[in-house]
Protein backbone atom coordinates (compact mmCIF):
# COMPACT_ATOMS: atom_id res chain seq x y z
CA MET A 1 -0.01 -0.04 -0.02
CA VAL A 2 2.80 2.42 0.93
CA ALA A 3 4.76 1.55 -2.11
CA THR A 4 1.77 2.22 -4.38
CA ILE A 5 1.30 5.74 -2.84
CA ILE A 6 5.00 6.47 -3.31
CA ALA A 7 4.83 5.23 -6.79
CA MET A 8 1.83 7.38 -7.63
CA VAL A 9 3.43 10.46 -6.08
CA LEU A 10 6.59 9.85 -8.18
CA ILE A 11 4.70 9.34 -11.33
CA VAL A 12 2.40 12.39 -10.76
CA ALA A 13 5.55 14.59 -10.12
CA GLY A 14 7.11 13.19 -13.27
CA VAL A 15 4.12 13.94 -15.37
CA PHE A 16 4.04 17.53 -13.90
CA PHE A 17 7.70 18.06 -15.05
CA LEU A 18 6.93 16.51 -18.51
CA THR A 19 3.96 18.87 -18.82
CA VAL A 20 6.27 21.88 -17.83
CA SER A 21 8.70 20.70 -20.50
CA SER A 22 6.07 20.69 -23.23
CA LEU A 23 4.80 24.03 -22.25
CA GLY A 24 8.31 25.44 -22.28
CA LEU A 25 8.80 23.97 -25.77
CA LEU A 26 5.67 25.86 -27.04
CA ARG A 27 5.98 29.22 -25.06
CA LEU A 28 9.75 30.12 -25.09
CA PRO A 29 11.08 32.44 -27.77
CA ASP A 30 14.16 30.75 -29.21
CA PHE A 31 15.91 27.56 -29.69
CA TYR A 32 18.28 27.85 -26.83
CA ALA A 33 15.56 28.62 -24.17
CA ARG A 34 13.48 25.80 -25.56
CA THR A 35 16.43 23.38 -25.39
CA HIS A 36 17.15 24.40 -21.82
CA ALA A 37 13.56 23.90 -20.77
CA VAL A 38 13.25 20.63 -22.50
CA GLY A 39 16.67 19.31 -21.40
CA LYS A 40 16.14 20.00 -17.62
CA SER A 41 12.48 19.18 -17.03
CA GLU A 42 12.21 16.33 -19.44
CA THR A 43 15.21 14.51 -17.85
CA LEU A 44 13.73 15.11 -14.39
CA GLY A 45 10.24 14.14 -15.40
CA SER A 46 11.51 10.89 -17.07
CA ILE A 47 13.49 9.90 -14.04
CA LEU A 48 10.67 10.48 -11.70
CA VAL A 49 8.21 8.46 -13.87
CA LEU A 50 10.70 5.59 -14.32
CA SER A 51 11.35 5.67 -10.58
CA GLY A 52 7.70 5.46 -9.84
CA LEU A 53 7.35 2.46 -12.13
CA ALA A 54 10.39 0.72 -10.49
CA VAL A 55 8.77 1.29 -7.07
CA TYR A 56 5.47 0.07 -8.29
CA ASN A 57 6.93 -3.16 -9.68
CA GLY A 58 8.82 -4.13 -6.52
CA TRP A 59 11.88 -6.46 -6.73
CA GLU A 60 11.48 -8.16 -10.10
CA LEU A 61 13.57 -8.50 -13.28
CA ASN A 62 11.51 -5.69 -14.95
CA THR A 63 12.61 -3.31 -12.15
CA VAL A 64 16.24 -3.95 -13.12
CA LYS A 65 15.40 -3.22 -16.62
CA ILE A 66 13.72 -0.01 -15.68
CA VAL A 67 16.71 1.04 -13.53
CA PHE A 68 19.11 0.37 -16.55
CA ILE A 69 16.72 2.62 -18.69
CA LEU A 70 16.71 5.23 -15.90
CA LEU A 71 20.50 5.34 -15.79
CA PHE A 72 20.72 5.59 -19.65
CA VAL A 73 18.26 8.56 -19.56
CA LEU A 74 20.26 10.17 -16.78
CA ILE A 75 23.50 9.96 -18.85
CA ALA A 76 22.09 10.46 -22.43
CA ASN A 77 19.50 13.34 -22.16
CA PRO A 78 21.85 16.07 -20.76
CA THR A 79 24.63 15.02 -23.05
CA ALA A 80 22.43 15.07 -26.09
CA THR A 81 20.96 18.32 -25.19
CA HIS A 82 24.35 19.94 -24.73
CA ALA A 83 25.52 18.46 -28.02
CA ILE A 84 22.55 19.77 -29.93
CA ALA A 85 22.85 23.25 -28.33
CA ARG A 86 26.55 23.48 -29.05
CA ALA A 87 26.08 22.29 -32.67
CA ALA A 88 23.51 25.10 -33.15
CA LEU A 89 25.89 27.72 -31.75
CA ARG A 90 28.73 26.45 -33.98
CA THR A 91 26.62 26.61 -37.06
CA GLY A 92 25.88 30.25 -36.31
CA LEU A 93 22.30 30.23 -34.83
CA GLN A 94 22.25 33.37 -32.67
CA PRO A 95 20.34 33.50 -29.37
CA TRP A 96 17.21 35.59 -29.34
CA THR A 97 17.55 39.14 -28.04
CA LEU A 98 14.89 41.60 -26.99
CA GLN A 99 15.50 43.69 -30.19
CA GLN A 100 14.75 40.76 -32.32
CA GLY A 101 11.36 40.14 -30.59
CA THR A 102 10.04 43.64 -30.77
CA LYS A 103 8.69 45.66 -33.71
CA LYS A 104 10.14 48.99 -34.48
CA LYS A 105 7.82 51.90 -34.08
CA LYS A 106 7.29 54.20 -36.98
CA ASP A 107 7.64 57.86 -36.15
C-alpha cells in the first residue's frame, strides 16, 4: 500500500515536469531557451516516472530493466541536449535578443 502511494506520487510529479517541458517548448522564444527547458525538465520528469514504475513493480527483473533505462536517460539526455545546443551555436544560430522580438515603431 505504501509503495503504491510512493509510486503514484513519483509518477504524478514526473508527469508534472513533463507537462512543464512541453509548455516550455511551446512558449519560449528561441531554440536555446526551448532546449534548456526541455533538457532539464524532461530529464527530471522521465527519471521520476521511471522511478515510480520501479517502485510500483517491486523487486523483479522488470525493475532492473527500468533502472538500466533510468541510468541511460540520466546520462544520455543532458549529453544530447548539450551537443545539440553546441552544434546550433557552432553553425551560427544566434540567441534571441529583445531587439529581435519587438517591432520597430514608425515615427
